Amino acid sequence: MSKVLEQLVKLLDLKAIETNVFVGNSQDLGFKSLFGGQVLGQALVAASRTVEAERPIHSLHGYFLRAGKPNEPIYYEVDLIRSGKSFSTRRVVAKQGGLAIFSMSASFHAIEKGFEHQVEKPSVPGPDGILSELEQFRKVRDKVPEPIREKLNADRPIEIRVVDPVDYFDPHKRPPLKYSWFKASGKLPDDTLTHTAMLAYASDFGLATTAMLPHGVTFFNPRVQVASLDHAMWFHRPARMDEWLLYVKDSPSAAGGRGFNRGQIFDKNGILVASVAQESLIRGIDPPSPQDSMKGLVT
């Protein structure tokens, strides 16, 4: 296991500090605020630690309430809403500095047999021969703004290979649909919760930016503000994060300063393992007027 992957596994392994309260560290990925996938994965672990292992999580619904700080620990308070004969419900509030930054409801279900069907996996090229996102960034290293250059070019615990990547600095308008393969950068332990939490963590990569594709902009555009507002996820079948998974993302709508994005995650054999839905802030920022640019300069 690589050092960065080992660090991520450790990051998702929360410490209990009192009954139903857990604490986790944060990581700085070079974004302006805390990466939402980290909070998702850690909140999932916190909720799961209060439920018996025979009831894995089947769905979560979370809201990002405040921008988290990547250099401060996060405290997760779990409320045991209900434990029934086959379902358990938990509510998690993540806090920094005493303020809630994220809230989540999660449902757990005892494993049982039932009806089975699924949509077919799209026919797209496999991961072999496709450059990773990290390799793509390193090809344009000199164009990446200095403040985030080191972070974006650092080794990563999750390898992502986009089937039809966008030119970050010269994007063109295209339909709001993209495909990417992803997996952990090394072998993971045979622990179901580790794989599930890491799947939730990785599900936030590249989802919000799907709504940007029809508008020919990327997150490098200083006049566009993008941030995750909420995140819902359904876990249909077990998945291993150290094997290739296909993430199919589309955006049916953008309106009112918000973009709606959906995702389907398949394993390499075509089994649908999870579905995702997220609404994100996607806001155009007008350049300052000459009068605004002079504010603060007049004494």
C-alpha atoms as a PDB file:
ATOM      1  CA  MET A   1       0.000   0.000   0.000  1.00  0.00           C
ATOM      2  CA  SER A   2       1.369   3.430  -0.984  1.00  0.00           C
ATOM      3  CA  LYS A   3       1.974   6.072   1.647  1.00  0.00           C
ATOM      4  CA  VAL A   4      -0.821   8.349   0.362  1.00  0.00           C
ATOM      5  CA  LEU A   5      -3.310   5.460   0.298  1.00  0.00           C
ATOM      6  CA  GLU A   6      -2.304   4.439   3.804  1.00  0.00           C
ATOM      7  CA  GLN A   7      -2.900   8.033   4.914  1.00  0.00           C
ATOM      8  CA  LEU A   8      -6.395   8.003   3.404  1.00  0.00           C
ATOM      9  CA  VAL A   9      -7.296   4.704   5.103  1.00  0.00           C
ATOM     10  CA  LYS A  10      -6.117   6.218   8.387  1.00  0.00           C
ATOM     11  CA  LEU A  11      -8.046   9.436   7.693  1.00  0.00           C
ATOM     12  CA  LEU A  12     -11.286   7.473   7.362  1.00  0.00           C
ATOM     13  CA  ASP A  13     -10.634   5.476  10.545  1.00  0.00           C
ATOM     14  CA  LEU A  14     -12.220   7.758  13.146  1.00  0.00           C
ATOM     15  CA  LYS A  15     -11.430   7.818  16.848  1.00  0.00           C
ATOM     16  CA  ALA A  16     -14.257   7.514  19.393  1.00  0.00           C
ATOM     17  CA  ILE A  17     -13.892  10.194  22.087  1.00  0.00           C
ATOM     18  CA  GLU A  18     -17.162   9.556  23.928  1.00  0.00           C
ATOM     19  CA  THR A  19     -20.408   7.658  23.409  1.00  0.00           C
ATOM     20  CA  ASN A  20     -21.533   8.172  19.786  1.00  0.00           C
ATOM     21  CA  VAL A  21     -19.042  11.026  19.243  1.00  0.00           C
ATOM     22  CA  PHE A  22     -16.046  10.605  16.951  1.00  0.00           C
ATOM     23  CA  VAL A  23     -13.193  12.796  15.749  1.00  0.00           C
ATOM     24  CA  GLY A  24     -11.303  12.734  12.477  1.00  0.00           C
ATOM     25  CA  ASN A  25      -8.430  14.682  10.989  1.00  0.00           C
ATOM     26  CA  SER A  26      -8.659  16.721   7.791  1.00  0.00           C
ATOM     27  CA  GLN A  27      -6.640  16.831   4.597  1.00  0.00           C
ATOM     28  CA  ASP A  28      -5.745  19.705   2.288  1.00  0.00           C
ATOM     29  CA  LEU A  29      -6.236  18.779  -1.372  1.00  0.00           C
ATOM     30  CA  GLY A  30      -5.537  22.287  -2.622  1.00  0.00           C
ATOM     31  CA  PHE A  31      -9.153  23.426  -2.795  1.00  0.00           C
ATOM     32  CA  LYS A  32     -10.290  26.616  -1.090  1.00  0.00           C
ATOM     33  CA  SER A  33     -12.153  24.561   1.497  1.00  0.00           C
ATOM     34  CA  LEU A  34     -12.409  21.023   2.815  1.00  0.00           C
ATOM     35  CA  PHE A  35     -13.111  18.325   0.199  1.00  0.00           C
ATOM     36  CA  GLY A  36     -16.725  17.231   0.572  1.00  0.00           C
ATOM     37  CA  GLY A  37     -15.943  13.581  -0.118  1.00  0.00           C
ATOM     38  CA  GLN A  38     -13.810  13.456   3.001  1.00  0.00           C
ATOM     39  CA  VAL A  39     -16.715  14.549   5.215  1.00  0.00           C
ATOM     40  CA  LEU A  40     -19.029  12.072   3.458  1.00  0.00           C
ATOM     41  CA  GLY A  41     -16.681   9.171   4.040  1.00  0.00           C
ATOM     42  CA  GLN A  42     -15.964  10.055   7.646  1.00  0.00           C
ATOM     43  CA  ALA A  43     -19.643  10.654   8.483  1.00  0.00           C
ATOM     44  CA  LEU A  44     -20.482   7.267   6.966  1.00  0.00           C
ATOM     45  CA  VAL A  45     -17.865   5.624   9.202  1.00  0.00           C
ATOM     46  CA  ALA A  46     -19.168   7.450  12.288  1.00  0.00           C
ATOM     47  CA  ALA A  47     -22.744   6.289  11.646  1.00  0.00           C
ATOM     48  CA  SER A  48     -21.625   2.743  10.825  1.00  0.00           C
ATOM     49  CA  ARG A  49     -19.729   2.456  14.112  1.00  0.00           C
ATOM     50  CA  THR A  50     -23.090   2.660  15.940  1.00  0.00           C
ATOM     51  CA  VAL A  51     -24.739  -0.136  13.916  1.00  0.00           C
ATOM     52  CA  GLU A  52     -23.996  -3.862  13.924  1.00  0.00           C
ATOM     53  CA  ALA A  53     -21.808  -5.026  11.020  1.00  0.00           C
ATOM     54  CA  GLU A  54     -24.612  -7.282   9.729  1.00  0.00           C
ATOM     55  CA  ARG A  55     -26.500  -4.129   8.696  1.00  0.00           C
ATOM     56  CA  PRO A  56     -24.464  -2.318   6.039  1.00  0.00           C
ATOM     57  CA  ILE A  57     -25.447   1.160   4.894  1.00  0.00           C
ATOM     58  CA  HIS A  58     -27.817   1.265   1.932  1.00  0.00           C
ATOM     59  CA  SER A  59     -28.397   5.019   1.578  1.00  0.00           C
ATOM     60  CA  LEU A  60     -27.248   8.392   2.812  1.00  0.00           C
ATOM     61  CA  HIS A  61     -28.505  11.939   2.319  1.00  0.00           C
ATOM     62  CA  GLY A  62     -26.220  14.781   3.335  1.00  0.00           C
ATOM     63  CA  TYR A  63     -26.139  18.590   3.242  1.00  0.00           C
ATOM     64  CA  PHE A  64     -23.007  20.708   3.157  1.00  0.00           C
ATOM     65  CA  LEU A  65     -23.834  23.596   5.493  1.00  0.00           C
ATOM     66  CA  ARG A  66     -20.575  25.534   5.780  1.00  0.00           C
ATOM     67  CA  ALA A  67     -17.196  25.427   4.085  1.00  0.00           C
ATOM     68  CA  GLY A  68     -14.977  23.193   6.206  1.00  0.00           C
ATOM     69  CA  LYS A  69     -11.385  24.044   7.093  1.00  0.00           C
ATOM     70  CA  PRO A  70      -8.795  21.573   5.788  1.00  0.00           C
ATOM     71  CA  ASN A  71      -6.394  22.195   8.702  1.00  0.00           C
ATOM     72  CA  GLU A  72      -8.742  21.486  11.625  1.00  0.00           C
ATOM     73  CA  PRO A  73     -10.185  18.238  13.058  1.00  0.00           C
ATOM     74  CA  ILE A  74     -13.867  17.406  12.598  1.00  0.00           C
ATOM     75  CA  TYR A  75     -16.171  16.130  15.337  1.00  0.00           C
ATOM     76  CA  TYR A  76     -18.985  13.775  14.358  1.00  0.00           C
ATOM     77  CA  GLU A  77     -22.008  13.491  16.642  1.00  0.00           C
ATOM     78  CA  VAL A  78     -24.265  10.513  15.897  1.00  0.00           C
ATOM     79  CA  ASP A  79     -27.939  10.438  16.909  1.00  0.00           C
ATOM     80  CA  LEU A  80     -29.409   6.924  17.091  1.00  0.00           C
ATOM     81  CA  ILE A  81     -32.796   7.713  15.561  1.00  0.00           C
ATOM     82  CA  ARG A  82     -34.153   4.176  15.310  1.00  0.00           C
ATOM     83  CA  SER A  83     -33.109   0.522  15.262  1.00  0.00           C
ATOM     84  CA  GLY A  84     -35.899  -1.697  13.963  1.00  0.00           C
ATOM     85  CA  LYS A  85     -36.122  -5.366  13.038  1.00  0.00           C
ATOM     86  CA  SER A  86     -34.353  -4.924   9.698  1.00  0.00           C
ATOM     87  CA  PHE A  87     -33.541  -1.198   9.323  1.00  0.00           C
ATOM     88  CA  SER A  88     -31.519   1.243  11.436  1.00  0.00           C
ATOM     89  CA  THR A  89     -31.522   5.013  10.977  1.00  0.00           C
ATOM     90  CA  ARG A  90     -28.823   7.400  12.109  1.00  0.00           C
ATOM     91  CA  ARG A  91     -28.325  11.157  11.942  1.00  0.00           C
ATOM     92  CA  VAL A  92     -24.813  12.618  11.913  1.00  0.00           C
ATOM     93  CA  VAL A  93     -23.748  16.228  12.441  1.00  0.00           C
ATOM     94  CA  ALA A  94     -20.152  17.158  11.615  1.00  0.00           C
ATOM     95  CA  LYS A  95     -18.742  20.168  13.470  1.00  0.00           C
ATOM     96  CA  GLN A  96     -15.671  22.381  13.403  1.00  0.00           C
ATOM     97  CA  GLY A  97     -15.150  25.081  15.981  1.00  0.00           C
ATOM     98  CA  GLY A  98     -18.523  24.223  17.515  1.00  0.00           C
ATOM     99  CA  LEU A  99     -20.386  24.977  14.257  1.00  0.00           C
ATOM    100  CA  ALA A 100     -22.127  22.435  12.042  1.00  0.00           C
ATOM    101  CA  ILE A 101     -20.506  22.108   8.624  1.00  0.00           C
ATOM    102  CA  PHE A 102     -22.391  19.001   7.431  1.00  0.00           C
ATOM    103  CA  SER A 103     -25.467  16.975   8.381  1.00  0.00           C
ATOM    104  CA  MET A 104     -26.408  13.535   7.148  1.00  0.00           C
ATOM    105  CA  SER A 105     -29.151  10.951   7.521  1.00  0.00           C
ATOM    106  CA  ALA A 106     -28.124   7.359   6.895  1.00  0.00           C
ATOM    107  CA  SER A 107     -30.105   4.145   6.677  1.00  0.00           C
ATOM    108  CA  PHE A 108     -28.794   0.632   7.285  1.00  0.00           C
ATOM    109  CA  HIS A 109     -30.487  -2.585   6.201  1.00  0.00           C
ATOM    110  CA  ALA A 110     -29.985  -6.195   7.225  1.00  0.00           C
ATOM    111  CA  ILE A 111     -28.843  -8.239   4.220  1.00  0.00           C
ATOM    112  CA  GLU A 112     -31.714 -10.107   2.596  1.00  0.00           C
ATOM    113  CA  LYS A 113     -32.694 -11.627  -0.744  1.00  0.00           C
ATOM    114  CA  GLY A 114     -35.230 -10.035  -3.077  1.00  0.00           C
ATOM    115  CA  PHE A 115     -36.050  -9.104  -6.662  1.00  0.00           C
ATOM    116  CA  GLU A 116     -33.039  -8.264  -8.833  1.00  0.00           C
ATOM    117  CA  HIS A 117     -32.608  -6.069 -11.920  1.00  0.00           C
ATOM    118  CA  GLN A 118     -30.351  -3.239 -13.086  1.00  0.00           C
ATOM    119  CA  VAL A 119     -29.602  -0.995 -16.047  1.00  0.00           C
ATOM    120  CA  GLU A 120     -26.849  -2.036 -18.438  1.00  0.00           C
ATOM    121  CA  LYS A 121     -23.348  -0.628 -18.133  1.00  0.00           C
ATOM    122  CA  PRO A 122     -22.567   1.765 -21.024  1.00  0.00           C
ATOM    123  CA  SER A 123     -20.178   0.546 -23.672  1.00  0.00           C
ATOM    124  CA  VAL A 124     -17.109   2.729 -23.179  1.00  0.00           C
ATOM    125  CA  PRO A 125     -13.363   2.105 -23.484  1.00  0.00           C
ATOM    126  CA  GLY A 126     -11.768   0.388 -20.494  1.00  0.00           C
ATOM    127  CA  PRO A 127      -9.160   2.029 -18.272  1.00  0.00           C
ATOM    128  CA  ASP A 128      -6.136   0.500 -20.000  1.00  0.00           C
ATOM    129  CA  GLY A 129      -4.183   3.043 -22.030  1.00  0.00           C
ATOM    130  CA  ILE A 130      -6.003   6.098 -20.633  1.00  0.00           C
ATOM    131  CA  LEU A 131      -3.901   8.719 -18.870  1.00  0.00           C
ATOM    132  CA  SER A 132      -4.794   9.358 -15.246  1.00  0.00           C
ATOM    133  CA  GLU A 133      -5.951  12.784 -14.104  1.00  0.00           C
ATOM    134  CA  LEU A 134      -2.638  13.171 -12.322  1.00  0.00           C
ATOM    135  CA  GLU A 135      -0.742  12.500 -15.551  1.00  0.00           C
ATOM    136  CA  GLN A 136      -3.003  14.993 -17.341  1.00  0.00           C
ATOM    137  CA  PHE A 137      -2.265  17.666 -14.724  1.00  0.00           C
ATOM    138  CA  ARG A 138       1.452  17.023 -14.910  1.00  0.00           C
ATOM    139  CA  LYS A 139       1.365  17.599 -18.676  1.00  0.00           C
ATOM    140  CA  VAL A 140       0.069  21.152 -18.083  1.00  0.00           C
ATOM    141  CA  ARG A 141       1.881  21.735 -14.787  1.00  0.00           C
ATOM    142  CA  ASP A 142       3.180  25.159 -15.806  1.00  0.00           C
ATOM    143  CA  LYS A 143      -0.353  26.404 -16.527  1.00  0.00           C
ATOM    144  CA  VAL A 144      -1.700  25.451 -13.102  1.00  0.00           C
ATOM    145  CA  PRO A 145      -1.883  28.475 -10.761  1.00  0.00           C
ATOM    146  CA  GLU A 146       1.037  28.531  -8.334  1.00  0.00           C
ATOM    147  CA  PRO A 147      -1.048  28.366  -5.107  1.00  0.00           C
ATOM    148  CA  ILE A 148      -2.492  24.941  -6.014  1.00  0.00           C
ATOM    149  CA  ARG A 149       0.199  23.597  -8.370  1.00  0.00           C
ATOM    150  CA  GLU A 150       1.945  21.462  -5.769  1.00  0.00           C
ATOM    151  CA  LYS A 151      -1.283  19.941  -4.439  1.00  0.00           C
ATOM    152  CA  LEU A 152      -2.709  19.063  -7.864  1.00  0.00           C
ATOM    153  CA  ASN A 153       0.545  17.426  -8.935  1.00  0.00           C
ATOM    154  CA  ALA A 154       1.047  15.393  -5.750  1.00  0.00           C
ATOM    155  CA  ASP A 155       0.618  11.595  -5.632  1.00  0.00           C
ATOM    156  CA  ARG A 156      -2.975  10.522  -5.019  1.00  0.00           C
ATOM    157  CA  PRO A 157      -4.624   7.649  -3.158  1.00  0.00           C
ATOM    158  CA  ILE A 158      -7.410   7.417  -5.778  1.00  0.00           C
ATOM    159  CA  GLU A 159      -6.445   6.988  -9.417  1.00  0.00           C
ATOM    160  CA  ILE A 160      -8.942   8.503 -11.846  1.00  0.00           C
ATOM    161  CA  ARG A 161      -8.863   7.976 -15.609  1.00  0.00           C
ATOM    162  CA  VAL A 162     -11.328  10.126 -17.563  1.00  0.00           C
ATOM    163  CA  VAL A 163     -12.437   8.552 -20.846  1.00  0.00           C
ATOM    164  CA  ASP A 164     -12.865  11.872 -22.713  1.00  0.00           C
ATOM    165  CA  PRO A 165     -11.089  14.530 -20.616  1.00  0.00           C
ATOM    166  CA  VAL A 166     -11.780  18.247 -20.846  1.00  0.00           C
ATOM    167  CA  ASP A 167      -9.037  20.678 -21.762  1.00  0.00           C
ATOM    168  CA  TYR A 168      -8.887  22.525 -18.435  1.00  0.00           C
ATOM    169  CA  PHE A 169      -7.592  25.740 -19.968  1.00  0.00           C
ATOM    170  CA  ASP A 170      -9.383  25.704 -23.332  1.00  0.00           C
ATOM    171  CA  PRO A 171     -12.720  23.953 -22.714  1.00  0.00           C
ATOM    172  CA  HIS A 172     -15.403  23.641 -25.360  1.00  0.00           C
ATOM    173  CA  LYS A 173     -19.130  23.306 -24.850  1.00  0.00           C
ATOM    174  CA  ARG A 174     -20.244  19.678 -24.841  1.00  0.00           C
ATOM    175  CA  PRO A 175     -23.167  17.570 -23.577  1.00  0.00           C
ATOM    176  CA  PRO A 176     -23.320  17.150 -19.781  1.00  0.00           C
ATOM    177  CA  LEU A 177     -22.143  13.535 -19.792  1.00  0.00           C
ATOM    178  CA  LYS A 178     -18.795  12.024 -18.845  1.00  0.00           C
ATOM    179  CA  TYR A 179     -17.249   8.695 -17.998  1.00  0.00           C
ATOM    180  CA  SER A 180     -14.334   8.000 -15.698  1.00  0.00           C
ATOM    181  CA  TRP A 181     -12.663   4.934 -14.247  1.00  0.00           C
ATOM    182  CA  PHE A 182     -11.371   5.046 -10.689  1.00  0.00           C
ATOM    183  CA  LYS A 183      -9.874   2.840  -8.001  1.00  0.00           C
ATOM    184  CA  ALA A 184      -7.587   2.982  -5.004  1.00  0.00           C
ATOM    185  CA  SER A 185      -3.912   3.240  -5.944  1.00  0.00           C
ATOM    186  CA  GLY A 186      -3.089  -0.026  -4.160  1.00  0.00           C
ATOM    187  CA  LYS A 187      -4.437  -3.089  -2.414  1.00  0.00           C
ATOM    188  CA  LEU A 188      -6.878  -2.472   0.457  1.00  0.00           C
ATOM    189  CA  PRO A 189      -7.677  -4.666   3.468  1.00  0.00           C
ATOM    190  CA  ASP A 190     -10.688  -6.977   3.242  1.00  0.00           C
ATOM    191  CA  ASP A 191     -12.834  -4.725   5.395  1.00  0.00           C
ATOM    192  CA  THR A 192     -16.254  -3.841   3.960  1.00  0.00           C
ATOM    193  CA  LEU A 193     -16.528  -0.519   5.786  1.00  0.00           C
ATOM    194  CA  THR A 194     -13.167   0.683   4.429  1.00  0.00           C
ATOM    195  CA  HIS A 195     -14.274   0.007   0.847  1.00  0.00           C
ATOM    196  CA  THR A 196     -17.726   1.573   1.374  1.00  0.00           C
ATOM    197  CA  ALA A 197     -16.352   4.714   3.044  1.00  0.00           C
ATOM    198  CA  MET A 198     -13.739   5.122   0.325  1.00  0.00           C
ATOM    199  CA  LEU A 199     -16.426   4.721  -2.346  1.00  0.00           C
ATOM    200  CA  ALA A 200     -18.397   7.566  -0.747  1.00  0.00           C
ATOM    201  CA  TYR A 201     -15.184   9.618  -0.569  1.00  0.00           C
ATOM    202  CA  ALA A 202     -14.424   9.081  -4.259  1.00  0.00           C
ATOM    203  CA  SER A 203     -18.023   9.704  -5.381  1.00  0.00           C
ATOM    204  CA  ASP A 204     -17.550  13.457  -4.920  1.00  0.00           C
ATOM    205  CA  PHE A 205     -14.684  13.722  -7.411  1.00  0.00           C
ATOM    206  CA  GLY A 206     -15.757  15.328 -10.693  1.00  0.00           C
ATOM    207  CA  LEU A 207     -19.489  15.182 -10.030  1.00  0.00           C
ATOM    208  CA  ALA A 208     -20.276  18.882  -9.538  1.00  0.00           C
ATOM    209  CA  THR A 209     -18.253  19.868 -12.603  1.00  0.00           C
ATOM    210  CA  THR A 210     -20.498  17.772 -14.872  1.00  0.00           C
ATOM    211  CA  ALA A 211     -22.971  20.679 -14.912  1.00  0.00           C
ATOM    212  CA  MET A 212     -20.202  22.936 -16.261  1.00  0.00           C
ATOM    213  CA  LEU A 213     -19.680  20.958 -19.478  1.00  0.00           C
ATOM    214  CA  PRO A 214     -22.488  22.575 -21.587  1.00  0.00           C
ATOM    215  CA  HIS A 215     -21.138  26.015 -20.687  1.00  0.00           C
ATOM    216  CA  GLY A 216     -17.513  25.529 -21.693  1.00  0.00           C
ATOM    217  CA  VAL A 217     -16.001  26.411 -18.318  1.00  0.00           C
ATOM    218  CA  THR A 218     -13.846  24.590 -15.768  1.00  0.00           C
ATOM    219  CA  PHE A 219     -12.947  25.164 -12.111  1.00  0.00           C
ATOM    220  CA  PHE A 220      -9.840  27.042 -13.276  1.00  0.00           C
ATOM    221  CA  ASN A 221     -12.105  29.862 -14.500  1.00  0.00           C
ATOM    222  CA  PRO A 222     -11.918  32.586 -11.808  1.00  0.00           C
ATOM    223  CA  ARG A 223     -15.349  33.889 -12.812  1.00  0.00           C
ATOM    224  CA  VAL A 224     -17.156  30.662 -11.903  1.00  0.00           C
ATOM    225  CA  GLN A 225     -17.968  29.532  -8.371  1.00  0.00           C
ATOM    226  CA  VAL A 226     -18.700  25.825  -7.832  1.00  0.00           C
ATOM    227  CA  ALA A 227     -19.454  24.059  -4.547  1.00  0.00           C
ATOM    228  CA  SER A 228     -21.381  20.943  -3.509  1.00  0.00           C
ATOM    229  CA  LEU A 229     -24.674  21.715  -1.756  1.00  0.00           C
ATOM    230  CA  ASP A 230     -25.929  18.231  -0.977  1.00  0.00           C
ATOM    231  CA  HIS A 231     -25.091  14.622  -1.754  1.00  0.00           C
ATOM    232  CA  ALA A 232     -27.222  11.485  -1.802  1.00  0.00           C
ATOM    233  CA  MET A 233     -25.958   7.972  -2.368  1.00  0.00           C
ATOM    234  CA  TRP A 234     -27.485   4.508  -2.608  1.00  0.00           C
ATOM    235  CA  PHE A 235     -25.356   1.403  -2.158  1.00  0.00           C
ATOM    236  CA  HIS A 236     -26.916  -1.404  -4.199  1.00  0.00           C
ATOM    237  CA  ARG A 237     -24.267  -4.119  -4.061  1.00  0.00           C
ATOM    238  CA  PRO A 238     -20.838  -4.654  -2.495  1.00  0.00           C
ATOM    239  CA  ALA A 239     -17.857  -3.167  -4.335  1.00  0.00           C
ATOM    240  CA  ARG A 240     -14.102  -3.275  -3.957  1.00  0.00           C
ATOM    241  CA  MET A 241     -12.333   0.053  -4.201  1.00  0.00           C
ATOM    242  CA  ASP A 242      -9.035  -1.578  -5.185  1.00  0.00           C
ATOM    243  CA  GLU A 243     -10.562  -2.774  -8.464  1.00  0.00           C
ATOM    244  CA  TRP A 244     -11.583  -0.561 -11.397  1.00  0.00           C
ATOM    245  CA  LEU A 245     -15.017   1.058 -11.182  1.00  0.00           C
ATOM    246  CA  LEU A 246     -16.756   3.026 -13.941  1.00  0.00           C
ATOM    247  CA  TYR A 247     -18.398   6.298 -12.903  1.00  0.00           C
ATOM    248  CA  VAL A 248     -21.095   7.487 -15.335  1.00  0.00           C
ATOM    249  CA  LYS A 249     -22.058  11.107 -14.629  1.00  0.00           C
ATOM    250  CA  ASP A 250     -24.673  13.337 -16.224  1.00  0.00           C
ATOM    251  CA  SER A 251     -26.375  16.647 -15.455  1.00  0.00           C
ATOM    252  CA  PRO A 252     -30.057  16.858 -16.496  1.00  0.00           C
ATOM    253  CA  SER A 253     -30.471  20.488 -15.425  1.00  0.00           C
ATOM    254  CA  ALA A 254     -28.848  23.710 -14.320  1.00  0.00           C
ATOM    255  CA  ALA A 255     -31.025  26.618 -13.201  1.00  0.00           C
ATOM    256  CA  GLY A 256     -31.209  29.284 -10.515  1.00  0.00           C
ATOM    257  CA  GLY A 257     -27.480  29.134  -9.790  1.00  0.00           C
ATOM    258  CA  ARG A 258     -27.617  25.385  -9.111  1.00  0.00           C
ATOM    259  CA  GLY A 259     -26.562  22.379 -11.168  1.00  0.00           C
ATOM    260  CA  PHE A 260     -28.110  18.941 -10.701  1.00  0.00           C
ATOM    261  CA  ASN A 261     -25.810  15.974 -11.247  1.00  0.00           C
ATOM    262  CA  ARG A 262     -26.367  12.203 -11.213  1.00  0.00           C
ATOM    263  CA  GLY A 263     -23.994   9.282 -11.125  1.00  0.00           C
ATOM    264  CA  GLN A 264     -24.038   5.531 -11.630  1.00  0.00           C
ATOM    265  CA  ILE A 265     -21.099   3.399 -10.515  1.00  0.00           C
ATOM    266  CA  PHE A 266     -20.447   0.024 -12.153  1.00  0.00           C
ATOM    267  CA  ASP A 267     -17.755  -2.546 -11.526  1.00  0.00           C
ATOM    268  CA  LYS A 268     -15.686  -3.813 -14.447  1.00  0.00           C
ATOM    269  CA  ASN A 269     -18.081  -6.748 -14.910  1.00  0.00           C
ATOM    270  CA  GLY A 270     -21.006  -4.380 -15.464  1.00  0.00           C
ATOM    271  CA  ILE A 271     -22.623  -4.763 -12.039  1.00  0.00           C
ATOM    272  CA  LEU A 272     -24.280  -1.569 -10.798  1.00  0.00           C
ATOM    273  CA  VAL A 273     -22.891  -1.066  -7.289  1.00  0.00           C
ATOM    274  CA  ALA A 274     -24.073   2.450  -6.387  1.00  0.00           C
ATOM    275  CA  SER A 275     -26.071   5.475  -7.541  1.00  0.00           C
ATOM    276  CA  VAL A 276     -25.421   9.112  -6.676  1.00  0.00           C
ATOM    277  CA  ALA A 277     -27.294  12.415  -6.907  1.00  0.00           C
ATOM    278  CA  GLN A 278     -25.996  15.836  -6.043  1.00  0.00           C
ATOM    279  CA  GLU A 279     -26.949  19.472  -6.440  1.00  0.00           C
ATOM    280  CA  SER A 280     -24.122  21.965  -6.632  1.00  0.00           C
ATOM    281  CA  LEU A 281     -23.751  25.698  -6.636  1.00  0.00           C
ATOM    282  CA  ILE A 282     -22.700  26.839 -10.118  1.00  0.00           C
ATOM    283  CA  ARG A 283     -22.590  30.588 -10.178  1.00  0.00           C
ATOM    284  CA  GLY A 284     -21.101  33.060 -12.611  1.00  0.00           C
ATOM    285  CA  ILE A 285     -19.167  35.827 -10.886  1.00  0.00           C
ATOM    286  CA  ASP A 286     -19.243  39.177 -12.651  1.00  0.00           C
ATOM    287  CA  PRO A 287     -15.887  40.955 -12.940  1.00  0.00           C
ATOM    288  CA  PRO A 288     -15.616  43.993 -10.650  1.00  0.00           C
ATOM    289  CA  SER A 289     -16.565  47.354 -12.110  1.00  0.00           C
ATOM    290  CA  PRO A 290     -13.931  50.136 -12.225  1.00  0.00           C
ATOM    291  CA  GLN A 291     -15.732  51.770  -9.289  1.00  0.00           C
ATOM    292  CA  ASP A 292     -15.675  48.551  -7.240  1.00  0.00           C
ATOM    293  CA  SER A 293     -12.027  47.982  -7.972  1.00  0.00           C
ATOM    294  CA  MET A 294     -11.252  51.416  -6.467  1.00  0.00           C
ATOM    295  CA  LYS A 295     -13.088  50.676  -3.211  1.00  0.00           C
ATOM    296  CA  GLY A 296     -10.707  50.428  -0.312  1.00  0.00           C
ATOM    297  CA  LEU A 297      -8.102  52.528  -2.093  1.00  0.00           C
ATOM    298  CA  VAL A 298      -9.670  55.873  -1.212  1.00  0.00           C
ATOM    299  CA  THR A 299      -8.552  57.250   2.175  1.00  0.00           C
END
